[in-house]
């Protein structure tokens, strides 16, 4: 699989990413058609994940916090 991905041209890679995004959007809307809570739950979960990651990067941007420094 890795060889196949590495042999793709940049235009083909971009097409692969956009087709994956379109498939994810189609799956999301098809699930939301059945259960309406998915329309709100998925963006809320994704948004909260983004907020948590950004807050974590702001607190420790390099990921090298010393254990002693956490309590000061």
PDB file of N, CA and C in Angstrom:
ATOM      1  N   UNK A   1       0.813  -1.182   0.000  1.00  0.00           N
ATOM      2  CA  UNK A   1       0.000   0.000   0.000  1.00  0.00           C
ATOM      3  C   UNK A   1       0.866   1.259   0.000  1.00  0.00           C
ATOM      4  N   UNK A   2       1.962   1.195   0.747  1.00  0.00           N
ATOM      5  CA  UNK A   2       2.865   2.343   0.819  1.00  0.00           C
ATOM      6  C   UNK A   2       3.477   2.645  -0.547  1.00  0.00           C
ATOM      7  N   UNK A   3       3.850   1.589  -1.268  1.00  0.00           N
ATOM      8  CA  UNK A   3       4.432   1.784  -2.595  1.00  0.00           C
ATOM      9  C   UNK A   3       3.426   2.434  -3.537  1.00  0.00           C
ATOM     10  N   UNK A   4       2.179   2.038  -3.432  1.00  0.00           N
ATOM     11  CA  UNK A   4       1.148   2.629  -4.274  1.00  0.00           C
ATOM     12  C   UNK A   4       0.980   4.108  -3.967  1.00  0.00           C
ATOM     13  N   UNK A   5       0.947   4.451  -2.683  1.00  0.00           N
ATOM     14  CA  UNK A   5       0.778   5.846  -2.288  1.00  0.00           C
ATOM     15  C   UNK A   5       1.985   6.689  -2.697  1.00  0.00           C
ATOM     16  N   UNK A   6       3.186   6.161  -2.540  1.00  0.00           N
ATOM     17  CA  UNK A   6       4.388   6.914  -2.876  1.00  0.00           C
ATOM     18  C   UNK A   6       4.560   7.098  -4.374  1.00  0.00           C
ATOM     19  N   UNK A   7       3.942   6.230  -5.177  1.00  0.00           N
ATOM     20  CA  UNK A   7       4.079   6.346  -6.622  1.00  0.00           C
ATOM     21  C   UNK A   7       3.063   7.315  -7.229  1.00  0.00           C
ATOM     22  N   UNK A   8       2.167   7.867  -6.430  1.00  0.00           N
ATOM     23  CA  UNK A   8       1.166   8.794  -6.950  1.00  0.00           C
ATOM     24  C   UNK A   8       1.774  10.160  -7.226  1.00  0.00           C
ATOM     25  N   UNK A   9       1.251  10.810  -8.240  1.00  0.00           N
ATOM     26  CA  UNK A   9       1.651  12.181  -8.561  1.00  0.00           C
ATOM     27  C   UNK A   9       0.940  13.132  -7.605  1.00  0.00           C
ATOM     28  N   UNK A  10       1.442  14.353  -7.448  1.00  0.00           N
ATOM     29  CA  UNK A  10       0.800  15.307  -6.517  1.00  0.00           C
ATOM     30  C   UNK A  10      -0.668  15.561  -6.841  1.00  0.00           C
ATOM     31  N   UNK A  11      -1.007  15.600  -8.116  1.00  0.00           N
ATOM     32  CA  UNK A  11      -2.401  15.816  -8.500  1.00  0.00           C
ATOM     33  C   UNK A  11      -3.261  14.622  -8.080  1.00  0.00           C
ATOM     34  N   UNK A  12      -2.720  13.426  -8.186  1.00  0.00           N
ATOM     35  CA  UNK A  12      -3.453  12.232  -7.782  1.00  0.00           C
ATOM     36  C   UNK A  12      -3.615  12.162  -6.267  1.00  0.00           C
ATOM     37  N   UNK A  13      -2.603  12.608  -5.533  1.00  0.00           N
ATOM     38  CA  UNK A  13      -2.684  12.635  -4.074  1.00  0.00           C
ATOM     39  C   UNK A  13      -3.771  13.611  -3.637  1.00  0.00           C
ATOM     40  N   UNK A  14      -3.808  14.782  -4.270  1.00  0.00           N
ATOM     41  CA  UNK A  14      -4.834  15.772  -3.959  1.00  0.00           C
ATOM     42  C   UNK A  14      -6.226  15.220  -4.269  1.00  0.00           C
ATOM     43  N   UNK A  15      -6.350  14.487  -5.379  1.00  0.00           N
ATOM     44  CA  UNK A  15      -7.624  13.884  -5.741  1.00  0.00           C
ATOM     45  C   UNK A  15      -8.020  12.809  -4.719  1.00  0.00           C
ATOM     46  N   UNK A  16      -7.054  12.074  -4.212  1.00  0.00           N
ATOM     47  CA  UNK A  16      -7.328  11.060  -3.199  1.00  0.00           C
ATOM     48  C   UNK A  16      -7.825  11.696  -1.905  1.00  0.00           C
ATOM     49  N   UNK A  17      -7.191  12.803  -1.480  1.00  0.00           N
ATOM     50  CA  UNK A  17      -7.622  13.493  -0.264  1.00  0.00           C
ATOM     51  C   UNK A  17      -9.038  14.045  -0.408  1.00  0.00           C
ATOM     52  N   UNK A  18      -9.316  14.670  -1.545  1.00  0.00           N
ATOM     53  CA  UNK A  18     -10.651  15.243  -1.737  1.00  0.00           C
ATOM     54  C   UNK A  18     -11.714  14.159  -1.846  1.00  0.00           C
ATOM     55  N   UNK A  19     -11.391  13.026  -2.450  1.00  0.00           N
ATOM     56  CA  UNK A  19     -12.375  11.946  -2.527  1.00  0.00           C
ATOM     57  C   UNK A  19     -12.622  11.340  -1.150  1.00  0.00           C
ATOM     58  N   UNK A  20     -11.587  11.267  -0.325  1.00  0.00           N
ATOM     59  CA  UNK A  20     -11.777  10.782   1.042  1.00  0.00           C
ATOM     60  C   UNK A  20     -12.637  11.747   1.843  1.00  0.00           C
ATOM     61  N   UNK A  21     -12.426  13.042   1.659  1.00  0.00           N
ATOM     62  CA  UNK A  21     -13.242  14.036   2.355  1.00  0.00           C
ATOM     63  C   UNK A  21     -14.691  13.973   1.881  1.00  0.00           C
ATOM     64  N   UNK A  22     -14.896  13.773   0.591  1.00  0.00           N
ATOM     65  CA  UNK A  22     -16.254  13.660   0.060  1.00  0.00           C
ATOM     66  C   UNK A  22     -16.947  12.404   0.571  1.00  0.00           C
ATOM     67  N   UNK A  23     -16.206  11.313   0.663  1.00  0.00           N
ATOM     68  CA  UNK A  23     -16.780  10.079   1.196  1.00  0.00           C
ATOM     69  C   UNK A  23     -17.142  10.234   2.669  1.00  0.00           C
ATOM     70  N   UNK A  24     -16.283  10.921   3.437  1.00  0.00           N
ATOM     71  CA  UNK A  24     -16.582  11.152   4.846  1.00  0.00           C
ATOM     72  C   UNK A  24     -17.813  12.038   5.004  1.00  0.00           C
ATOM     73  N   UNK A  25     -17.925  13.068   4.173  1.00  0.00           N
ATOM     74  CA  UNK A  25     -19.104  13.938   4.233  1.00  0.00           C
ATOM     75  C   UNK A  25     -20.374  13.177   3.846  1.00  0.00           C
ATOM     76  N   UNK A  26     -20.296  12.343   2.836  1.00  0.00           N
ATOM     77  CA  UNK A  26     -21.460  11.549   2.428  1.00  0.00           C
ATOM     78  C   UNK A  26     -21.870  10.576   3.531  1.00  0.00           C
ATOM     79  N   UNK A  27     -20.898   9.951   4.175  1.00  0.00           N
ATOM     80  CA  UNK A  27     -21.204   9.042   5.277  1.00  0.00           C
ATOM     81  C   UNK A  27     -21.827   9.796   6.440  1.00  0.00           C
ATOM     82  N   UNK A  28     -21.284  10.982   6.744  1.00  0.00           N
ATOM     83  CA  UNK A  28     -21.812  11.790   7.834  1.00  0.00           C
ATOM     84  C   UNK A  28     -23.261  12.171   7.570  1.00  0.00           C
ATOM     85  N   UNK A  29     -23.551  12.637   6.358  1.00  0.00           N
ATOM     86  CA  UNK A  29     -24.926  13.029   6.040  1.00  0.00           C
ATOM     87  C   UNK A  29     -25.862  11.827   5.986  1.00  0.00           C
ATOM     88  N   UNK A  30     -25.377  10.679   5.540  1.00  0.00           N
ATOM     89  CA  UNK A  30     -26.248   9.503   5.512  1.00  0.00           C
ATOM     90  C   UNK A  30     -26.569   9.028   6.931  1.00  0.00           C
ATOM     91  N   UNK A  31     -25.610   9.125   7.835  1.00  0.00           N
ATOM     92  CA  UNK A  31     -25.893   8.791   9.228  1.00  0.00           C
ATOM     93  C   UNK A  31     -26.818   9.814   9.861  1.00  0.00           C
ATOM     94  N   UNK A  32     -26.622  11.078   9.506  1.00  0.00           N
ATOM     95  CA  UNK A  32     -27.458  12.137  10.062  1.00  0.00           C
ATOM     96  C   UNK A  32     -28.890  12.036   9.542  1.00  0.00           C
ATOM     97  N   UNK A  33     -29.055  11.458   8.374  1.00  0.00           N
ATOM     98  CA  UNK A  33     -30.404  11.277   7.834  1.00  0.00           C
ATOM     99  C   UNK A  33     -31.195  10.338   8.737  1.00  0.00           C
ATOM    100  N   UNK A  34     -30.521   9.361   9.307  1.00  0.00           N
ATOM    101  CA  UNK A  34     -31.169   8.387  10.189  1.00  0.00           C
ATOM    102  C   UNK A  34     -31.309   8.924  11.614  1.00  0.00           C
ATOM    103  N   UNK A  35     -30.236   9.494  12.148  1.00  0.00           N
ATOM    104  CA  UNK A  35     -30.224  10.025  13.512  1.00  0.00           C
ATOM    105  C   UNK A  35     -29.750  11.470  13.461  1.00  0.00           C
ATOM    106  N   UNK A  36     -30.627  12.384  13.777  1.00  0.00           N
ATOM    107  CA  UNK A  36     -30.317  13.812  13.639  1.00  0.00           C
ATOM    108  C   UNK A  36     -29.245  14.284  14.620  1.00  0.00           C
ATOM    109  N   UNK A  37     -29.059  13.602  15.729  1.00  0.00           N
ATOM    110  CA  UNK A  37     -28.065  14.054  16.707  1.00  0.00           C
ATOM    111  C   UNK A  37     -26.651  14.004  16.148  1.00  0.00           C
ATOM    112  N   UNK A  38     -26.426  13.186  15.116  1.00  0.00           N
ATOM    113  CA  UNK A  38     -25.095  13.091  14.514  1.00  0.00           C
ATOM    114  C   UNK A  38     -24.710  14.410  13.858  1.00  0.00           C
ATOM    115  N   UNK A  39     -25.695  15.137  13.329  1.00  0.00           N
ATOM    116  CA  UNK A  39     -25.404  16.438  12.714  1.00  0.00           C
ATOM    117  C   UNK A  39     -24.746  17.394  13.695  1.00  0.00           C
ATOM    118  N   UNK A  40     -25.125  17.313  14.942  1.00  0.00           N
ATOM    119  CA  UNK A  40     -24.541  18.194  15.952  1.00  0.00           C
ATOM    120  C   UNK A  40     -23.404  17.543  16.721  1.00  0.00           C
ATOM    121  N   UNK A  41     -23.501  16.248  16.973  1.00  0.00           N
ATOM    122  CA  UNK A  41     -22.511  15.584  17.817  1.00  0.00           C
ATOM    123  C   UNK A  41     -21.136  15.540  17.169  1.00  0.00           C
ATOM    124  N   UNK A  42     -21.059  15.233  15.891  1.00  0.00           N
ATOM    125  CA  UNK A  42     -19.762  15.107  15.233  1.00  0.00           C
ATOM    126  C   UNK A  42     -19.002  16.439  15.217  1.00  0.00           C
ATOM    127  N   UNK A  43     -19.627  17.566  14.811  1.00  0.00           N
ATOM    128  CA  UNK A  43     -18.874  18.836  14.860  1.00  0.00           C
ATOM    129  C   UNK A  43     -18.518  19.270  16.276  1.00  0.00           C
ATOM    130  N   UNK A  44     -19.370  18.991  17.245  1.00  0.00           N
ATOM    131  CA  UNK A  44     -19.064  19.364  18.627  1.00  0.00           C
ATOM    132  C   UNK A  44     -17.874  18.567  19.141  1.00  0.00           C
ATOM    133  N   UNK A  45     -17.846  17.277  18.874  1.00  0.00           N
ATOM    134  CA  UNK A  45     -16.723  16.444  19.304  1.00  0.00           C
ATOM    135  C   UNK A  45     -15.444  16.880  18.600  1.00  0.00           C
ATOM    136  N   UNK A  46     -15.524  17.108  17.298  1.00  0.00           N
ATOM    137  CA  UNK A  46     -14.351  17.560  16.547  1.00  0.00           C
ATOM    138  C   UNK A  46     -13.859  18.915  17.016  1.00  0.00           C
ATOM    139  N   UNK A  47     -14.781  19.846  17.250  1.00  0.00           N
ATOM    140  CA  UNK A  47     -14.407  21.177  17.723  1.00  0.00           C
ATOM    141  C   UNK A  47     -13.771  21.141  19.096  1.00  0.00           C
ATOM    142  N   UNK A  48     -14.319  20.319  19.988  1.00  0.00           N
ATOM    143  CA  UNK A  48     -13.728  20.233  21.325  1.00  0.00           C
ATOM    144  C   UNK A  48     -12.342  19.602  21.265  1.00  0.00           C
ATOM    145  N   UNK A  49     -12.138  18.651  20.363  1.00  0.00           N
ATOM    146  CA  UNK A  49     -10.814  18.057  20.200  1.00  0.00           C
ATOM    147  C   UNK A  49      -9.816  19.105  19.723  1.00  0.00           C
ATOM    148  N   UNK A  50     -10.212  19.931  18.756  1.00  0.00           N
ATOM    149  CA  UNK A  50      -9.334  20.988  18.252  1.00  0.00           C
ATOM    150  C   UNK A  50      -8.990  21.978  19.363  1.00  0.00           C
ATOM    151  N   UNK A  51      -9.985  22.363  20.175  1.00  0.00           N
ATOM    152  CA  UNK A  51      -9.744  23.299  21.274  1.00  0.00           C
ATOM    153  C   UNK A  51      -8.769  22.693  22.281  1.00  0.00           C
ATOM    154  N   UNK A  52      -8.942  21.429  22.610  1.00  0.00           N
ATOM    155  CA  UNK A  52      -8.044  20.784  23.572  1.00  0.00           C
ATOM    156  C   UNK A  52      -6.619  20.674  23.037  1.00  0.00           C
ATOM    157  N   UNK A  53      -6.466  20.357  21.763  1.00  0.00           N
ATOM    158  CA  UNK A  53      -5.126  20.252  21.183  1.00  0.00           C
ATOM    159  C   UNK A  53      -4.449  21.617  21.166  1.00  0.00           C
ATOM    160  N   UNK A  54      -5.170  22.658  20.778  1.00  0.00           N
ATOM    161  CA  UNK A  54      -4.572  24.001  20.754  1.00  0.00           C
ATOM    162  C   UNK A  54      -4.202  24.467  22.151  1.00  0.00           C
ATOM    163  N   UNK A  55      -5.053  24.173  23.129  1.00  0.00           N
ATOM    164  CA  UNK A  55      -4.736  24.574  24.509  1.00  0.00           C
ATOM    165  C   UNK A  55      -3.503  23.834  24.998  1.00  0.00           C
ATOM    166  N   UNK A  56      -3.401  22.548  24.662  1.00  0.00           N
ATOM    167  CA  UNK A  56      -2.250  21.765  25.079  1.00  0.00           C
ATOM    168  C   UNK A  56      -0.973  22.288  24.426  1.00  0.00           C
ATOM    169  N   UNK A  57      -1.045  22.668  23.153  1.00  0.00           N
ATOM    170  CA  UNK A  57       0.135  23.209  22.475  1.00  0.00           C
ATOM    171  C   UNK A  57       0.530  24.564  23.026  1.00  0.00           C
ATOM    172  N   UNK A  58      -0.445  25.362  23.450  1.00  0.00           N
ATOM    173  CA  UNK A  58      -0.138  26.669  24.019  1.00  0.00           C
ATOM    174  C   UNK A  58       0.528  26.501  25.386  1.00  0.00           C
ATOM    175  N   UNK A  59       0.086  25.528  26.178  1.00  0.00           N
ATOM    176  CA  UNK A  59       0.661  25.322  27.498  1.00  0.00           C
ATOM    177  C   UNK A  59       2.062  24.727  27.421  1.00  0.00           C
ATOM    178  N   UNK A  60       2.285  23.811  26.481  1.00  0.00           N
ATOM    179  CA  UNK A  60       3.576  23.152  26.335  1.00  0.00           C
ATOM    180  C   UNK A  60       3.863  22.963  24.848  1.00  0.00           C
ATOM    181  N   UNK A  61       4.338  24.012  24.168  1.00  0.00           N
ATOM    182  CA  UNK A  61       4.462  23.941  22.712  1.00  0.00           C
ATOM    183  C   UNK A  61       5.464  22.903  22.207  1.00  0.00           C
ATOM    184  N   UNK A  62       6.499  22.627  22.957  1.00  0.00           N
ATOM    185  CA  UNK A  62       7.496  21.669  22.493  1.00  0.00           C
ATOM    186  C   UNK A  62       7.266  20.269  23.053  1.00  0.00           C
ATOM    187  N   UNK A  63       6.381  20.123  24.020  1.00  0.00           N
ATOM    188  CA  UNK A  63       6.107  18.811  24.590  1.00  0.00           C
ATOM    189  C   UNK A  63       7.190  18.309  25.524  1.00  0.00           C
ATOM    190  N   UNK A  64       7.949  19.235  26.106  1.00  0.00           N
ATOM    191  CA  UNK A  64       9.050  18.839  26.988  1.00  0.00           C
ATOM    192  C   UNK A  64       8.881  19.412  28.382  1.00  0.00           C
ATOM    193  N   UNK A  65       7.720  19.337  28.933  1.00  0.00           N
ATOM    194  CA  UNK A  65       7.496  19.886  30.275  1.00  0.00           C
ATOM    195  C   UNK A  65       8.155  18.978  31.315  1.00  0.00           C
ATOM    196  N   UNK A  66       8.839  19.616  32.247  1.00  0.00           N
ATOM    197  CA  UNK A  66       9.404  18.867  33.366  1.00  0.00           C
ATOM    198  C   UNK A  66       8.312  18.633  34.397  1.00  0.00           C
ATOM    199  N   UNK A  67       8.396  17.514  35.078  1.00  0.00           N
ATOM    200  CA  UNK A  67       7.364  17.202  36.067  1.00  0.00           C
ATOM    201  C   UNK A  67       7.370  18.188  37.222  1.00  0.00           C
ATOM    202  N   UNK A  68       8.528  18.737  37.563  1.00  0.00           N
ATOM    203  CA  UNK A  68       8.621  19.681  38.666  1.00  0.00           C
ATOM    204  C   UNK A  68       8.008  21.028  38.309  1.00  0.00           C
ATOM    205  N   UNK A  69       8.022  21.405  37.040  1.00  0.00           N
ATOM    206  CA  UNK A  69       7.521  22.702  36.616  1.00  0.00           C
ATOM    207  C   UNK A  69       5.982  22.791  36.616  1.00  0.00           C
ATOM    208  N   UNK A  70       5.301  21.672  36.685  1.00  0.00           N
ATOM    209  CA  UNK A  70       3.844  21.679  36.617  1.00  0.00           C
ATOM    210  C   UNK A  70       3.204  22.284  37.843  1.00  0.00           C
ATOM    211  N   UNK A  71       3.899  22.276  38.982  1.00  0.00           N
ATOM    212  CA  UNK A  71       3.293  22.713  40.221  1.00  0.00           C
ATOM    213  C   UNK A  71       3.646  24.160  40.577  1.00  0.00           C
ATOM    214  N   UNK A  72       4.368  24.863  39.709  1.00  0.00           N
ATOM    215  CA  UNK A  72       4.755  26.237  40.013  1.00  0.00           C
ATOM    216  C   UNK A  72       3.917  27.209  39.259  1.00  0.00           C
TER     217      UNK A  72
END
